[in-house]
Protein backbone atom coordinates (compact mmCIF):
# COMPACT_ATOMS: atom_id res chain seq x y z
CA MET A 1 35.16 -10.43 30.86
CA SER A 2 31.61 -11.43 29.95
CA THR A 3 30.00 -10.23 26.76
CA ALA A 4 26.27 -9.94 26.15
CA LYS A 5 24.98 -12.62 23.84
CA LYS A 6 23.81 -11.17 20.54
CA SER A 7 20.16 -11.85 19.69
CA PRO A 8 19.59 -14.04 16.62
CA TYR A 9 16.66 -11.78 15.71
CA VAL A 10 16.22 -8.20 14.62
CA LEU A 11 14.16 -6.81 17.50
CA PHE A 12 11.12 -4.53 17.31
CA GLN A 13 8.53 -3.37 19.80
CA GLY A 14 4.87 -2.48 19.37
CA SER A 15 2.27 -3.03 16.67
CA GLN A 16 3.29 -0.08 14.49
CA ASN A 17 4.39 -0.95 10.94
CA PHE A 18 3.57 -4.64 11.58
CA ARG A 19 2.96 -5.65 7.95
CA LEU A 20 5.96 -3.79 6.57
CA ARG A 21 8.30 -5.26 9.16
CA ILE A 22 7.20 -8.75 8.14
CA VAL A 23 7.63 -7.83 4.46
CA LEU A 24 11.12 -6.35 5.00
CA ALA A 25 12.14 -9.46 6.95
CA THR A 26 10.91 -11.66 4.09
CA LEU A 27 12.82 -9.68 1.45
CA SER A 28 16.01 -9.63 3.53
CA GLY A 29 15.75 -13.23 4.74
CA LYS A 30 16.42 -12.07 8.33
CA PRO A 31 14.38 -13.42 11.27
CA ILE A 32 12.67 -10.80 13.42
CA LYS A 33 11.11 -10.69 16.87
CA ILE A 34 8.32 -8.23 17.65
CA GLU A 35 7.61 -7.70 21.34
CA LYS A 36 5.11 -5.74 23.45
CA ILE A 37 2.35 -5.84 20.84
CA ARG A 38 -0.42 -3.79 22.50
CA SER A 39 0.82 -5.07 25.86
CA ALA A 40 -0.80 -2.13 27.69
CA ASP A 41 -4.21 -2.49 26.00
CA LEU A 42 -7.31 -4.04 27.53
CA ASN A 43 -7.16 -6.57 24.68
CA PRO A 44 -3.41 -7.17 24.32
CA GLY A 45 -1.65 -8.97 21.52
CA LEU A 46 -2.27 -9.54 17.84
CA LYS A 47 -5.60 -8.70 16.23
CA ASP A 48 -7.45 -11.22 14.07
CA TYR A 49 -6.45 -9.43 10.87
CA GLU A 50 -2.75 -9.55 11.80
CA ILE A 51 -2.97 -13.30 12.41
CA SER A 52 -4.78 -13.65 9.08
CA PHE A 53 -1.96 -11.70 7.41
CA LEU A 54 0.64 -14.05 8.91
CA ARG A 55 -1.32 -17.03 7.54
CA LEU A 56 -1.27 -15.39 4.12
CA MET A 57 2.50 -14.98 4.39
CA GLU A 58 2.78 -18.68 5.19
CA ALA A 59 0.81 -19.46 2.03
CA VAL A 60 2.92 -17.39 -0.39
CA THR A 61 6.26 -18.46 1.09
CA ASN A 62 7.89 -21.82 1.67
CA GLY A 63 9.64 -22.60 4.95
CA ALA A 64 8.42 -19.62 6.96
CA GLN A 65 8.21 -20.28 10.71
CA ILE A 66 5.93 -18.23 12.95
CA GLU A 67 5.83 -18.41 16.72
CA ILE A 68 3.19 -16.48 18.66
CA SER A 69 3.34 -16.22 22.45
CA TYR A 70 0.44 -17.36 24.63
CA THR A 71 -0.72 -13.78 25.18
CA GLY A 72 -0.16 -12.82 21.55
CA THR A 73 2.12 -9.94 22.53
CA THR A 74 5.29 -11.46 21.04
CA VAL A 75 5.84 -12.80 17.52
CA ILE A 76 8.94 -14.52 16.16
CA TYR A 77 9.02 -14.63 12.36
CA ARG A 78 11.62 -16.64 10.45
CA PRO A 79 11.05 -15.89 6.76
CA GLY A 80 10.91 -18.51 4.06
CA ILE A 81 11.38 -18.36 0.29
CA ILE A 82 8.80 -16.39 -1.70
CA ILE A 83 7.13 -18.96 -3.93
CA GLY A 84 3.89 -17.20 -4.98
CA GLY A 85 1.57 -19.40 -7.02
CA SER A 86 -2.23 -19.58 -6.96
CA HIS A 87 -4.04 -19.14 -3.65
CA THR A 88 -7.38 -18.05 -2.19
CA HIS A 89 -7.50 -16.08 1.05
CA ASN A 90 -10.57 -15.24 3.11
CA CYS A 91 -10.02 -11.90 4.86
CA PRO A 92 -11.67 -11.20 8.24
CA PRO A 93 -14.41 -8.52 8.30
CA SER A 94 -12.23 -6.31 10.52
CA LYS A 95 -10.02 -5.28 7.57
CA PRO A 96 -10.61 -4.83 3.82
CA VAL A 97 -8.85 -6.86 1.14
CA GLY A 98 -6.59 -3.86 0.45
CA TYR A 99 -4.88 -4.41 3.82
CA PHE A 100 -3.72 -7.81 2.51
CA VAL A 101 -3.10 -6.90 -1.15
CA GLU A 102 -0.75 -4.00 -0.36
CA PRO A 103 2.07 -6.04 1.28
CA LEU A 104 1.84 -8.66 -1.47
CA LEU A 105 2.90 -5.98 -3.97
CA TYR A 106 6.29 -5.78 -2.23
CA LEU A 107 6.88 -9.54 -2.57
CA ALA A 108 5.21 -10.65 -5.81
CA PRO A 109 7.90 -9.39 -8.27
CA PHE A 110 10.56 -11.42 -6.44
CA SER A 111 8.70 -14.70 -6.29
CA LYS A 112 9.66 -18.09 -7.69
CA LYS A 113 6.28 -18.37 -9.46
CA LYS A 114 3.84 -15.78 -10.71
CA PHE A 115 1.31 -14.51 -8.17
CA SER A 116 -2.38 -15.30 -8.70
CA ILE A 117 -4.21 -14.58 -5.44
CA ILE A 118 -7.96 -14.35 -4.90
CA LEU A 119 -8.93 -12.45 -1.77
CA ARG A 120 -12.47 -12.37 -0.38
CA GLY A 121 -13.99 -9.91 2.06
CA ILE A 122 -14.68 -6.18 2.37
CA THR A 123 -13.40 -4.17 -0.59
CA ALA A 124 -13.31 -0.67 0.97
CA SER A 125 -12.92 1.03 4.35
CA HIS A 126 -11.97 4.37 5.90
CA ASN A 127 -8.40 3.50 6.92
CA ASP A 128 -6.94 1.12 4.33
CA ALA A 129 -6.39 1.32 0.59
CA GLY A 130 -9.38 0.44 -1.55
CA ILE A 131 -9.43 -1.40 -4.87
CA GLU A 132 -9.14 1.65 -7.13
CA ALA A 133 -6.48 3.23 -4.90
CA ILE A 134 -4.30 0.13 -5.34
CA LYS A 135 -5.11 -0.25 -9.03
CA TRP A 136 -4.47 3.38 -9.98
CA GLY A 137 -2.21 4.55 -7.15
CA LEU A 138 0.14 1.69 -6.23
CA LEU A 139 0.42 -0.45 -9.36
CA PRO A 140 1.86 2.51 -11.35
CA ILE A 141 4.63 2.72 -8.73
CA LEU A 142 5.52 -0.92 -9.46
CA GLU A 143 5.62 -0.11 -13.17
CA LYS A 144 8.20 2.62 -12.53
CA PHE A 145 10.47 0.00 -10.97
CA GLY A 146 10.13 -2.44 -13.87
CA VAL A 147 7.10 -4.50 -12.81
CA ARG A 148 4.95 -3.99 -15.90
CA GLU A 149 2.54 -6.93 -15.88
CA CYS A 150 0.46 -6.61 -12.75
CA ALA A 151 -3.30 -6.18 -12.32
CA LEU A 152 -6.01 -6.17 -9.68
CA HIS A 153 -9.38 -7.38 -10.96
CA THR A 154 -12.63 -6.66 -9.13
CA LEU A 155 -14.80 -9.77 -9.32
CA LYS A 156 -17.31 -8.69 -6.65
CA ARG A 157 -17.67 -5.56 -4.55
CA GLY A 158 -18.27 -6.00 -0.85
CA SER A 159 -19.21 -3.06 1.35
CA PRO A 160 -18.84 -3.14 5.15
CA PRO A 161 -19.86 -4.59 7.49
CA LEU A 162 -20.64 -7.96 5.87
CA GLY A 163 -18.40 -7.74 2.81
CA GLY A 164 -18.90 -10.46 0.24
CA GLY A 165 -16.42 -8.91 -2.18
CA GLU A 166 -13.78 -10.69 -4.21
CA VAL A 167 -10.65 -9.45 -5.99
CA HIS A 168 -7.97 -11.20 -8.03
CA LEU A 169 -4.35 -10.03 -7.83
CA VAL A 170 -2.23 -11.13 -10.78
CA VAL A 171 1.50 -10.31 -11.00
CA ASP A 172 3.13 -11.87 -14.06
CA THR A 173 6.38 -9.88 -14.06
CA LEU A 174 9.21 -11.49 -12.10
CA ILE A 175 12.36 -9.38 -11.80
CA SER A 176 15.81 -9.87 -10.30
CA GLN A 177 15.94 -6.38 -8.82
CA PRO A 178 14.03 -3.09 -9.17
CA LEU A 179 15.10 -0.40 -11.60
CA THR A 180 16.87 2.70 -10.25
CA ILE A 181 14.70 5.83 -10.35
CA HIS A 182 15.60 9.52 -10.57
CA GLU A 183 12.61 11.81 -10.06
CA LEU A 184 13.77 15.28 -9.09
CA GLU A 185 10.74 17.36 -10.10
CA ARG A 186 7.17 17.71 -8.95
CA PRO A 187 5.15 16.42 -11.92
CA HIS A 188 2.22 18.48 -13.23
CA ILE A 189 -1.29 17.07 -13.11
CA SER A 190 -2.53 16.33 -16.63
CA ALA A 191 -5.92 14.79 -15.80
CA ILE A 192 -8.15 13.87 -12.89
CA LYS A 193 -10.15 10.67 -13.14
CA GLY A 194 -12.17 8.69 -10.68
CA VAL A 195 -14.91 6.22 -10.01
CA ALA A 196 -17.97 6.55 -7.81
CA TYR A 197 -19.49 3.19 -6.95
CA SER A 198 -22.46 1.77 -5.10
CA THR A 199 -23.59 -1.66 -3.94
CA ARG A 200 -27.21 -2.48 -3.12
CA VAL A 201 -28.32 1.18 -2.96
CA SER A 202 -29.99 3.60 -5.34
CA PRO A 203 -27.78 4.57 -8.33
CA SER A 204 -28.76 8.20 -7.71
CA LEU A 205 -26.27 8.29 -4.81
CA VAL A 206 -23.44 7.74 -7.28
CA ASN A 207 -24.47 10.66 -9.48
CA ARG A 208 -24.79 12.90 -6.43
CA MET A 209 -21.24 12.01 -5.33
CA ILE A 210 -19.95 12.82 -8.81
CA ASP A 211 -21.75 16.18 -8.78
CA GLY A 212 -20.23 17.03 -5.39
CA ALA A 213 -16.70 16.18 -6.55
CA LYS A 214 -17.03 18.07 -9.85
CA LYS A 215 -18.29 21.14 -8.00
CA VAL A 216 -14.93 21.37 -6.23
CA LEU A 217 -12.84 20.40 -9.26
CA LYS A 218 -14.57 22.63 -11.83
CA GLY A 219 -11.75 25.16 -11.56
CA ALA A 220 -9.06 22.56 -12.28
CA SER A 221 -6.93 23.35 -15.32
CA CYS A 222 -7.16 19.79 -16.61
CA GLU A 223 -9.71 17.28 -17.78
CA VAL A 224 -11.93 15.77 -15.05
CA ASN A 225 -13.61 12.43 -15.77
CA ILE A 226 -15.46 10.53 -13.01
CA THR A 227 -17.36 7.40 -13.99
CA ALA A 228 -20.29 5.71 -12.26
CA ASP A 229 -19.94 2.06 -11.23
CA VAL A 230 -23.23 0.62 -9.99
CA TRP A 231 -23.21 -2.96 -8.70
CA ARG A 232 -26.36 -5.07 -8.39
CA GLY A 233 -27.24 -8.70 -7.79
CA GLU A 234 -24.97 -11.40 -6.40
CA ASN A 235 -21.77 -9.57 -7.39
CA SER A 236 -22.67 -6.56 -5.21
CA GLY A 237 -21.77 -8.21 -1.90
CA LYS A 238 -23.81 -8.62 1.24
CA SER A 239 -24.17 -5.02 2.47
CA PRO A 240 -25.35 -1.70 0.99
CA GLY A 241 -22.59 0.85 0.52
CA TRP A 242 -21.10 3.55 -1.66
CA GLY A 243 -17.88 5.48 -2.09
CA VAL A 244 -15.63 7.41 -4.44
CA THR A 245 -11.96 7.35 -5.44
CA LEU A 246 -10.23 10.21 -7.28
CA ILE A 247 -6.85 10.03 -9.03
CA GLY A 248 -4.63 12.88 -10.16
CA GLU A 249 -2.62 11.67 -13.17
CA THR A 250 0.61 13.12 -14.54
CA LYS A 251 2.20 12.81 -17.97
CA LYS A 252 5.20 11.09 -16.39
CA GLY A 253 2.99 8.30 -15.03
CA TRP A 254 3.04 9.27 -11.35
CA CYS A 255 -0.35 9.44 -9.60
CA TYR A 256 -1.93 10.91 -6.48
CA PHE A 257 -5.15 9.57 -5.01
CA ALA A 258 -7.83 10.17 -2.40
CA GLU A 259 -10.81 8.03 -1.46
CA GLU A 260 -13.67 7.73 0.98
CA ILE A 261 -16.72 5.61 1.68
CA GLY A 262 -20.12 6.87 2.77
CA ASP A 263 -21.29 6.13 6.31
CA PRO A 264 -25.00 5.55 7.07
CA GLY A 265 -26.73 8.93 6.99
CA ALA A 266 -23.90 10.66 5.12
CA ILE A 267 -24.79 13.08 2.31
CA PRO A 268 -23.38 11.91 -1.05
CA GLU A 269 -22.59 15.43 -2.31
CA GLU A 270 -20.57 16.14 0.82
CA VAL A 271 -18.62 12.86 0.46
CA GLY A 272 -17.77 13.78 -3.15
CA GLU A 273 -16.69 17.29 -2.10
CA THR A 274 -14.58 15.94 0.78
CA VAL A 275 -12.68 13.49 -1.44
CA ALA A 276 -12.05 16.21 -4.03
CA TYR A 277 -10.60 18.52 -1.36
CA HIS A 278 -8.50 15.62 0.00
CA LEU A 279 -7.09 14.99 -3.49
CA LEU A 280 -6.15 18.65 -3.92
CA GLU A 281 -4.55 18.62 -0.47
CA GLU A 282 -2.63 15.43 -1.29
CA ILE A 283 -1.31 16.97 -4.51
CA SER A 284 -0.24 20.20 -2.80
CA GLN A 285 1.44 18.43 0.13
CA SER A 286 3.27 15.75 -1.87
CA GLY A 287 6.48 15.62 -3.85
CA ALA A 288 6.81 13.31 -6.84
CA ILE A 289 4.46 10.77 -5.21
CA GLY A 290 1.83 10.75 -2.47
CA ARG A 291 2.56 9.79 1.12
CA THR A 292 0.59 6.50 0.85
CA GLN A 293 2.81 5.39 -2.04
CA LEU A 294 6.05 6.46 -0.36
CA PRO A 295 6.82 3.24 1.62
CA LEU A 296 6.59 1.10 -1.54
CA ALA A 297 8.86 3.43 -3.51
CA ILE A 298 11.44 3.80 -0.72
CA THR A 299 11.58 0.03 -0.14
CA PHE A 300 12.16 -0.68 -3.85
CA MET A 301 14.88 1.99 -3.93
CA VAL A 302 16.60 0.24 -1.02
CA ILE A 303 16.56 -3.21 -2.65
CA GLY A 304 17.62 -1.92 -6.07
CA LYS A 305 20.98 -2.49 -7.70
CA GLU A 306 24.05 -0.82 -6.21
CA ASP A 307 23.36 2.54 -7.76
CA ILE A 308 22.16 5.90 -6.45
CA GLY A 309 18.40 6.52 -6.66
CA ARG A 310 16.79 9.90 -6.03
CA LEU A 311 13.21 10.89 -5.28
CA ARG A 312 11.69 14.28 -4.53
CA ILE A 313 9.42 14.44 -1.49
CA SER A 314 7.73 17.31 0.32
CA ARG A 315 8.42 18.54 3.85
CA ASP A 316 4.88 17.45 4.81
CA GLU A 317 5.72 13.85 3.89
CA VAL A 318 8.55 13.76 6.43
CA ASP A 319 6.32 12.74 9.33
CA GLU A 320 6.46 10.13 12.08
CA ARG A 321 5.47 7.30 9.74
CA PHE A 322 8.26 8.20 7.34
CA VAL A 323 10.83 8.31 10.14
CA VAL A 324 9.68 4.91 11.48
CA LEU A 325 9.93 3.50 7.93
CA LEU A 326 13.53 4.67 7.54
CA ARG A 327 14.47 3.34 10.99
CA ASP A 328 12.98 -0.08 10.23
CA ILE A 329 14.82 -0.21 6.89
CA LYS A 330 18.12 0.68 8.53
CA LYS A 331 17.56 -1.91 11.24
CA ILE A 332 16.91 -4.74 8.78
CA PHE A 333 18.95 -3.80 5.70
CA GLY A 334 21.51 -1.45 7.23
CA THR A 335 20.72 1.06 4.48
CA GLU A 336 20.40 4.77 5.20
CA ALA A 337 18.50 7.46 3.32
CA TYR A 338 19.95 10.95 2.92
CA LEU A 339 17.73 14.01 2.67
CA LYS A 340 18.90 17.21 1.00
CA GLU A 341 16.85 20.38 0.82
CA VAL A 342 15.84 21.55 -2.63
CA ASP A 343 16.73 25.10 -3.60
CA ASP A 344 15.54 25.65 -7.15
CA GLY A 345 13.98 29.08 -6.63
CA ASN A 346 10.33 28.10 -6.98
CA SER A 347 7.42 27.90 -4.54
CA HIS A 348 8.34 24.36 -3.48
CA ASP A 349 11.91 25.02 -2.40
CA ASP A 350 11.21 23.47 1.01
CA ASP A 351 11.08 20.01 -0.60
CA PHE A 352 13.74 17.34 -0.08
CA ILE A 353 15.58 15.02 -2.41
CA VAL A 354 15.81 11.55 -0.84
CA THR A 355 19.00 9.80 -1.94
CA ILE A 356 19.37 6.06 -1.41
CA LYS A 357 22.06 3.68 -2.62
CA GLY A 358 20.58 0.28 -3.46
CA ASN A 359 21.94 -2.66 -1.51
CA GLY A 360 22.34 -4.92 -4.54
CA PHE A 361 19.45 -7.24 -3.63
CA THR A 362 18.98 -10.02 -6.17
CA ASN A 363 16.00 -12.30 -6.50
CA ALA A 364 17.39 -15.74 -5.77
CA ASN A 365 13.90 -17.30 -5.69
CA LYS A 366 13.71 -17.51 -9.49
CA LYS A 367 16.87 -19.64 -9.58
CA ILE A 368 15.63 -22.24 -7.11
CA ALA A 369 14.29 -25.30 -8.86
C-alpha cells in the first residue's frame, strides 16, 4: 500500500498575508512554500516590494534560505536565526517604510542582538501604516506584551511619489517570551491626539487639516490635541505632500488610530474631517484594540507562555482577514483560538472574547553565542 509523501514545507497559496506568513515561519522555525502568487494576473509573481522584504529578512536573520521560481509565482522560505543588529534598508517607491517596519516588530524582541534598522523611502501612503500609526498605535501593543524599550524615530519625511524619507527603528528590549494578557473590557477613550504634517507645501494646509478634524471632534467628551509638524529643507524629502494621523488614547494604554494623506487637488479640511470620522468609526467598531493592531496582538498571544490569554474583540473585527490570520497560525503553530460571545448586558454584548493558550515559545536566539 503506497502512502503519499509528506511535504517538508507548510504549504500556502496566493499573495495574501505574504509578510505575516514569512514572519510566522521565522518565529516557528518551520520552512514554508507559497505557490500560485498572482499566477492569474497579467504580471504574475512577486512584486518588487515583496522581494525587497525578503532581502530585509535575509539581513536580520542568519542562515535563511530563499528560493524563487523563474516566474516568481512560487517561493520557498527556510527561516534562519533572528540576529538583528544594525542595518540600513532602501525601500522601493512602491511601498512606504511602514510596510517593512511592521513585520520587524514581530521579530525584534526575540533577536540575538538589539535591532537598530534605518529604512529609507516613502514615509506615508493610503494602504500601509504610516510613521505615527506605528509609533502610537503598534508600539504600545508591544509594551503590553513586555517589550518596553522600542522606538521609531523620524529622521526625514518623504512623501510619495519620490520619497526621500528616513526612519530609525530601535528595539532594545529582548525577551524570552511575551507576557500573557487579559483584556476583557472595552476601554474608554481618555484623550484624542494627533499630528498633521506637511513636506514642501504651504504650512497653511496643516492648519486647515487640523480645523477640519477638530470640527468633527468638538463634541468629544475628552481632550483633543492635534499638533502641526511642518517639514522644510533637505529633511522634507523629494516630493510635496501632507497628511494627518489621529490617535484615540485610553487610560489603560490601549490606542486606536486613523490616518490619511492628501492627494493632489484634495481639500485639507475634508481630509481632516475624513480622518476624524474614520477614527470614531474605528473606536465604535473595535473591541479592546483596533483591527490593524489585532494580528500583532494575536500572534504574541500565540507565542506566549503556556497560559490562557484573553482579548475582547468586536463582531466587526471578525472579518476575512481575521479568519485568514487564524488559519495561518493554526497551519504553522497548530494553535487554535476560541471565540465566546460576550453577554454582559450592555450595548456591546455582541462582542467576542478570544481565548488562546500560548504554545510555550521561548527565544533561543539570545542563548546562541
